[in-house]
N, C-alpha and C. Protein backbone atom coordinates (compact mmCIF):
# COMPACT_ATOMS: atom_id res chain seq x y z
N MET A 1 11.02 -2.89 12.66
CA MET A 1 10.22 -3.91 12.02
C MET A 1 9.83 -3.45 10.62
N GLN A 2 10.02 -4.34 9.64
CA GLN A 2 9.70 -3.97 8.26
C GLN A 2 8.19 -3.94 8.05
N ALA A 3 7.73 -2.95 7.31
CA ALA A 3 6.32 -2.81 7.00
C ALA A 3 5.86 -3.97 6.12
N ARG A 4 4.62 -4.35 6.31
CA ARG A 4 3.99 -5.38 5.49
C ARG A 4 3.00 -4.67 4.56
N LEU A 5 2.84 -5.20 3.34
CA LEU A 5 2.00 -4.54 2.34
C LEU A 5 0.64 -5.21 2.17
N TYR A 6 -0.33 -4.38 1.85
CA TYR A 6 -1.64 -4.82 1.38
C TYR A 6 -1.84 -4.11 0.05
N ILE A 7 -2.06 -4.86 -1.01
CA ILE A 7 -2.20 -4.29 -2.35
C ILE A 7 -3.65 -4.38 -2.78
N ASP A 8 -4.25 -3.23 -3.05
CA ASP A 8 -5.67 -3.22 -3.42
C ASP A 8 -5.84 -3.76 -4.84
N GLU A 9 -7.09 -3.94 -5.23
CA GLU A 9 -7.37 -4.65 -6.48
C GLU A 9 -6.87 -3.93 -7.73
N ASP A 10 -6.82 -2.62 -7.73
CA ASP A 10 -6.32 -1.91 -8.91
C ASP A 10 -4.82 -2.07 -9.09
N ALA A 11 -4.10 -2.17 -7.99
CA ALA A 11 -2.64 -2.25 -8.03
C ALA A 11 -2.13 -3.68 -8.02
N MET A 12 -3.00 -4.65 -7.72
CA MET A 12 -2.50 -6.03 -7.59
C MET A 12 -2.26 -6.62 -8.98
N ASP A 13 -1.02 -6.81 -9.26
CA ASP A 13 -0.56 -7.43 -10.49
C ASP A 13 0.19 -8.69 -10.07
N ASP A 14 -0.17 -9.83 -10.65
CA ASP A 14 0.44 -11.10 -10.25
C ASP A 14 1.96 -11.06 -10.32
N ASP A 15 2.49 -10.44 -11.38
CA ASP A 15 3.95 -10.37 -11.53
C ASP A 15 4.57 -9.52 -10.44
N LEU A 16 3.93 -8.42 -10.09
CA LEU A 16 4.45 -7.56 -9.02
C LEU A 16 4.41 -8.30 -7.68
N VAL A 17 3.30 -8.92 -7.38
CA VAL A 17 3.16 -9.64 -6.11
C VAL A 17 4.21 -10.74 -6.00
N GLN A 18 4.38 -11.52 -7.07
CA GLN A 18 5.36 -12.60 -7.06
C GLN A 18 6.78 -12.05 -6.91
N ALA A 19 7.09 -10.98 -7.64
CA ALA A 19 8.43 -10.38 -7.55
C ALA A 19 8.73 -9.89 -6.14
N LEU A 20 7.75 -9.29 -5.50
CA LEU A 20 7.94 -8.81 -4.12
C LEU A 20 8.13 -9.98 -3.17
N ARG A 21 7.34 -11.02 -3.34
CA ARG A 21 7.44 -12.19 -2.45
C ARG A 21 8.75 -12.93 -2.61
N VAL A 22 9.24 -13.03 -3.85
CA VAL A 22 10.53 -13.68 -4.09
C VAL A 22 11.63 -12.94 -3.34
N ARG A 23 11.43 -11.65 -3.16
CA ARG A 23 12.41 -10.82 -2.45
C ARG A 23 12.05 -10.65 -0.98
N CYS A 24 11.24 -11.57 -0.48
CA CYS A 24 10.89 -11.68 0.95
C CYS A 24 10.01 -10.57 1.49
N ALA A 25 9.29 -9.86 0.65
CA ALA A 25 8.33 -8.87 1.14
C ALA A 25 7.06 -9.61 1.58
N ASP A 26 6.49 -9.17 2.67
CA ASP A 26 5.24 -9.73 3.18
C ASP A 26 4.10 -8.98 2.50
N VAL A 27 3.41 -9.66 1.60
CA VAL A 27 2.39 -9.03 0.76
C VAL A 27 1.07 -9.79 0.87
N GLN A 28 -0.01 -9.04 1.02
CA GLN A 28 -1.35 -9.60 0.93
C GLN A 28 -2.09 -8.80 -0.14
N THR A 29 -2.92 -9.48 -0.93
CA THR A 29 -3.69 -8.81 -1.97
C THR A 29 -5.16 -8.72 -1.58
N ALA A 30 -5.87 -7.86 -2.27
CA ALA A 30 -7.31 -7.73 -2.06
C ALA A 30 -8.01 -9.06 -2.36
N LEU A 31 -7.52 -9.77 -3.35
CA LEU A 31 -8.10 -11.07 -3.71
C LEU A 31 -7.95 -12.04 -2.54
N GLU A 32 -6.76 -12.11 -1.97
CA GLU A 32 -6.52 -13.01 -0.83
C GLU A 32 -7.35 -12.62 0.39
N ALA A 33 -7.60 -11.33 0.55
CA ALA A 33 -8.38 -10.84 1.69
C ALA A 33 -9.88 -10.93 1.45
N GLY A 34 -10.28 -11.32 0.23
CA GLY A 34 -11.70 -11.41 -0.10
C GLY A 34 -12.37 -10.05 -0.23
N LEU A 35 -11.60 -9.05 -0.67
CA LEU A 35 -12.13 -7.68 -0.73
C LEU A 35 -12.26 -7.12 -2.15
N VAL A 36 -12.14 -7.96 -3.16
CA VAL A 36 -12.29 -7.48 -4.53
C VAL A 36 -13.72 -6.95 -4.71
N GLY A 37 -13.81 -5.76 -5.27
CA GLY A 37 -15.11 -5.15 -5.52
C GLY A 37 -15.70 -4.41 -4.32
N ARG A 38 -14.99 -4.38 -3.21
CA ARG A 38 -15.48 -3.71 -2.00
C ARG A 38 -15.11 -2.22 -2.05
N PRO A 39 -15.81 -1.39 -1.29
CA PRO A 39 -15.54 0.05 -1.27
C PRO A 39 -14.15 0.38 -0.72
N ASP A 40 -13.65 1.54 -1.13
CA ASP A 40 -12.33 2.01 -0.70
C ASP A 40 -12.18 1.98 0.82
N GLU A 41 -13.23 2.40 1.53
CA GLU A 41 -13.18 2.45 2.99
C GLU A 41 -12.84 1.08 3.59
N GLU A 42 -13.37 0.04 2.97
CA GLU A 42 -13.12 -1.31 3.49
C GLU A 42 -11.67 -1.74 3.27
N HIS A 43 -11.08 -1.30 2.16
CA HIS A 43 -9.68 -1.63 1.90
C HIS A 43 -8.77 -0.96 2.94
N LEU A 44 -9.00 0.32 3.21
CA LEU A 44 -8.18 1.01 4.19
C LEU A 44 -8.43 0.45 5.60
N ALA A 45 -9.67 0.16 5.92
CA ALA A 45 -9.98 -0.41 7.23
C ALA A 45 -9.30 -1.78 7.41
N HIS A 46 -9.35 -2.61 6.37
CA HIS A 46 -8.71 -3.91 6.45
C HIS A 46 -7.20 -3.76 6.65
N ALA A 47 -6.58 -2.90 5.84
CA ALA A 47 -5.14 -2.68 5.95
C ALA A 47 -4.79 -2.18 7.34
N ALA A 48 -5.58 -1.26 7.87
CA ALA A 48 -5.33 -0.72 9.21
C ALA A 48 -5.44 -1.81 10.27
N GLU A 49 -6.48 -2.60 10.20
CA GLU A 49 -6.69 -3.67 11.19
C GLU A 49 -5.59 -4.73 11.10
N ALA A 50 -5.12 -5.00 9.88
CA ALA A 50 -4.09 -6.01 9.68
C ALA A 50 -2.69 -5.47 9.90
N GLY A 51 -2.56 -4.16 10.11
CA GLY A 51 -1.25 -3.55 10.30
C GLY A 51 -0.41 -3.57 9.03
N ARG A 52 -1.08 -3.39 7.89
CA ARG A 52 -0.41 -3.44 6.59
C ARG A 52 -0.48 -2.09 5.89
N VAL A 53 0.62 -1.71 5.27
CA VAL A 53 0.68 -0.49 4.48
C VAL A 53 -0.07 -0.74 3.17
N LEU A 54 -0.97 0.13 2.85
CA LEU A 54 -1.81 0.00 1.65
C LEU A 54 -1.08 0.56 0.44
N TYR A 55 -0.96 -0.24 -0.62
CA TYR A 55 -0.39 0.24 -1.90
C TYR A 55 -1.53 0.36 -2.88
N ILE A 56 -1.72 1.57 -3.40
CA ILE A 56 -2.86 1.86 -4.28
C ILE A 56 -2.47 2.85 -5.37
N PHE A 57 -3.35 2.97 -6.37
CA PHE A 57 -3.19 3.96 -7.43
C PHE A 57 -4.15 5.14 -7.25
N ASN A 58 -5.19 4.99 -6.47
CA ASN A 58 -6.28 5.95 -6.35
C ASN A 58 -5.93 7.06 -5.34
N VAL A 59 -5.18 8.04 -5.81
CA VAL A 59 -4.69 9.10 -4.91
C VAL A 59 -5.83 9.93 -4.34
N GLY A 60 -6.71 10.43 -5.18
CA GLY A 60 -7.76 11.35 -4.73
C GLY A 60 -8.63 10.78 -3.62
N ASP A 61 -9.19 9.61 -3.85
CA ASP A 61 -10.10 9.03 -2.87
C ASP A 61 -9.39 8.66 -1.57
N PHE A 62 -8.18 8.14 -1.69
CA PHE A 62 -7.48 7.70 -0.48
C PHE A 62 -6.83 8.85 0.28
N MET A 63 -6.49 9.94 -0.39
CA MET A 63 -6.05 11.13 0.35
C MET A 63 -7.22 11.66 1.18
N HIS A 64 -8.42 11.61 0.60
CA HIS A 64 -9.62 12.02 1.33
C HIS A 64 -9.83 11.11 2.54
N LEU A 65 -9.72 9.80 2.34
CA LEU A 65 -9.88 8.85 3.45
C LEU A 65 -8.79 9.05 4.52
N HIS A 66 -7.56 9.32 4.08
CA HIS A 66 -6.48 9.59 5.02
C HIS A 66 -6.86 10.80 5.89
N GLY A 67 -7.37 11.84 5.27
CA GLY A 67 -7.81 13.02 6.01
C GLY A 67 -8.92 12.71 6.99
N LYS A 68 -9.87 11.87 6.59
CA LYS A 68 -10.95 11.48 7.49
C LYS A 68 -10.40 10.71 8.69
N TYR A 69 -9.44 9.84 8.45
CA TYR A 69 -8.83 9.08 9.55
C TYR A 69 -8.13 10.05 10.50
N GLU A 70 -7.38 11.00 9.96
CA GLU A 70 -6.68 11.97 10.81
C GLU A 70 -7.66 12.76 11.67
N THR A 71 -8.71 13.26 11.03
CA THR A 71 -9.71 14.07 11.73
C THR A 71 -10.38 13.28 12.85
N ALA A 72 -10.65 12.01 12.58
CA ALA A 72 -11.33 11.16 13.56
C ALA A 72 -10.38 10.56 14.60
N GLY A 73 -9.08 10.80 14.44
CA GLY A 73 -8.11 10.23 15.37
C GLY A 73 -7.93 8.72 15.19
N ARG A 74 -8.26 8.25 14.00
CA ARG A 74 -8.11 6.81 13.71
C ARG A 74 -6.72 6.56 13.12
N ALA A 75 -6.17 5.41 13.42
CA ALA A 75 -4.83 5.06 12.94
C ALA A 75 -4.92 4.13 11.74
N HIS A 76 -3.91 4.23 10.89
CA HIS A 76 -3.72 3.25 9.82
C HIS A 76 -2.23 2.99 9.71
N ALA A 77 -1.87 1.95 8.99
CA ALA A 77 -0.47 1.52 8.93
C ALA A 77 0.34 2.27 7.88
N GLY A 78 -0.30 3.13 7.12
CA GLY A 78 0.39 3.89 6.08
C GLY A 78 -0.19 3.60 4.70
N ILE A 79 0.12 4.50 3.79
CA ILE A 79 -0.36 4.39 2.41
C ILE A 79 0.80 4.71 1.48
N ILE A 80 0.93 3.93 0.43
CA ILE A 80 1.87 4.23 -0.65
C ILE A 80 1.04 4.44 -1.91
N PHE A 81 1.19 5.62 -2.50
CA PHE A 81 0.46 5.95 -3.72
C PHE A 81 1.34 5.67 -4.93
N GLY A 82 0.85 4.80 -5.80
CA GLY A 82 1.55 4.50 -7.04
C GLY A 82 0.92 5.25 -8.20
N ASP A 83 1.47 5.06 -9.37
CA ASP A 83 0.96 5.67 -10.59
C ASP A 83 0.85 4.57 -11.64
N GLN A 84 -0.36 4.17 -11.92
CA GLN A 84 -0.64 3.03 -12.78
C GLN A 84 0.00 3.14 -14.15
N GLN A 85 0.03 4.30 -14.71
CA GLN A 85 0.51 4.49 -16.08
C GLN A 85 2.00 4.78 -16.16
N ARG A 86 2.63 5.11 -15.06
CA ARG A 86 3.98 5.65 -15.11
C ARG A 86 5.09 4.62 -14.99
N PHE A 87 4.92 3.60 -14.13
CA PHE A 87 6.01 2.69 -13.84
C PHE A 87 5.71 1.26 -14.27
N SER A 88 6.73 0.60 -14.78
CA SER A 88 6.62 -0.81 -15.11
C SER A 88 6.52 -1.62 -13.82
N VAL A 89 6.19 -2.88 -13.95
CA VAL A 89 6.14 -3.76 -12.78
C VAL A 89 7.50 -3.78 -12.08
N GLY A 90 8.57 -3.88 -12.86
CA GLY A 90 9.91 -3.89 -12.28
C GLY A 90 10.23 -2.62 -11.53
N GLU A 91 9.85 -1.49 -12.07
CA GLU A 91 10.10 -0.21 -11.41
C GLU A 91 9.26 -0.08 -10.13
N GLN A 92 8.01 -0.52 -10.19
CA GLN A 92 7.18 -0.50 -8.98
C GLN A 92 7.83 -1.37 -7.89
N MET A 93 8.26 -2.56 -8.27
CA MET A 93 8.88 -3.47 -7.32
C MET A 93 10.11 -2.82 -6.68
N GLN A 94 10.99 -2.26 -7.49
CA GLN A 94 12.21 -1.65 -6.96
C GLN A 94 11.90 -0.51 -6.01
N ARG A 95 10.96 0.33 -6.38
CA ARG A 95 10.62 1.48 -5.53
C ARG A 95 9.93 1.04 -4.24
N LEU A 96 9.03 0.06 -4.34
CA LEU A 96 8.38 -0.46 -3.13
C LEU A 96 9.41 -1.08 -2.19
N LEU A 97 10.32 -1.87 -2.74
CA LEU A 97 11.35 -2.48 -1.90
C LEU A 97 12.25 -1.43 -1.26
N ARG A 98 12.52 -0.37 -1.97
CA ARG A 98 13.33 0.72 -1.41
C ARG A 98 12.61 1.36 -0.22
N ILE A 99 11.32 1.64 -0.39
CA ILE A 99 10.55 2.22 0.71
C ILE A 99 10.57 1.26 1.91
N LEU A 100 10.30 -0.01 1.65
CA LEU A 100 10.25 -0.99 2.74
C LEU A 100 11.60 -1.15 3.44
N SER A 101 12.68 -0.94 2.70
CA SER A 101 14.00 -1.08 3.33
C SER A 101 14.42 0.16 4.11
N LEU A 102 13.84 1.31 3.77
CA LEU A 102 14.26 2.56 4.42
C LEU A 102 13.23 3.16 5.38
N ARG A 103 12.02 2.64 5.37
CA ARG A 103 10.97 3.12 6.27
C ARG A 103 10.42 1.95 7.07
N SER A 104 10.55 2.02 8.36
CA SER A 104 10.02 0.95 9.21
C SER A 104 8.50 1.05 9.27
N ALA A 105 7.89 0.01 9.81
CA ALA A 105 6.44 0.02 9.99
C ALA A 105 6.03 1.22 10.85
N GLU A 106 6.82 1.50 11.87
CA GLU A 106 6.52 2.63 12.75
C GLU A 106 6.61 3.96 12.02
N GLN A 107 7.59 4.10 11.14
CA GLN A 107 7.74 5.34 10.38
C GLN A 107 6.63 5.52 9.35
N MET A 108 6.05 4.44 8.87
CA MET A 108 4.98 4.52 7.88
C MET A 108 3.63 4.82 8.53
N ARG A 109 3.47 4.48 9.79
CA ARG A 109 2.18 4.58 10.48
C ARG A 109 1.57 5.97 10.34
N ASP A 110 0.32 5.99 9.90
CA ASP A 110 -0.50 7.20 9.76
C ASP A 110 0.02 8.20 8.73
N GLY A 111 0.98 7.79 7.92
CA GLY A 111 1.51 8.68 6.90
C GLY A 111 1.30 8.12 5.51
N TYR A 112 1.91 8.78 4.56
CA TYR A 112 1.83 8.30 3.18
C TYR A 112 3.10 8.67 2.43
N GLU A 113 3.35 7.92 1.39
CA GLU A 113 4.49 8.14 0.51
C GLU A 113 3.99 8.05 -0.93
N PHE A 114 4.66 8.78 -1.80
CA PHE A 114 4.40 8.68 -3.24
C PHE A 114 5.51 7.86 -3.87
N LEU A 115 5.15 6.82 -4.59
CA LEU A 115 6.12 5.94 -5.22
C LEU A 115 7.07 6.75 -6.12
N SER A 116 6.55 7.79 -6.74
CA SER A 116 7.36 8.61 -7.66
C SER A 116 8.52 9.32 -6.96
N ALA A 117 8.44 9.48 -5.65
CA ALA A 117 9.50 10.16 -4.90
C ALA A 117 10.68 9.24 -4.58
N TRP A 118 10.55 7.96 -4.86
CA TRP A 118 11.57 6.97 -4.51
C TRP A 118 12.19 6.39 -5.75
N GLN A 119 13.51 6.55 -5.85
CA GLN A 119 14.22 6.03 -7.04
C GLN A 119 15.07 4.86 -6.71
């Protein structure tokens, strides 16, 4: 089963979301979920409850949250860490689609990937 994405407010770019959807990716944004301005913990909790892989730019805070989930034995659907300054919208789209095509939802569960590792 292909992973579904949840894009937090820092990473949600209308052009990126539209480009992913045109290519049949299942994407939900923080805006659509009513979570704009909410704490990081709520974004990860929402993504986990919805069974969606979280795409974010905030590596430090979410690596910490990932560790807290591991320690507590809590599950999440996975995290993809992007780099806001490094990749164009087109490059983000291509790399995200590559991850989604090569990693199933099950393979993403409770893990993380760095967008920079996918070409």
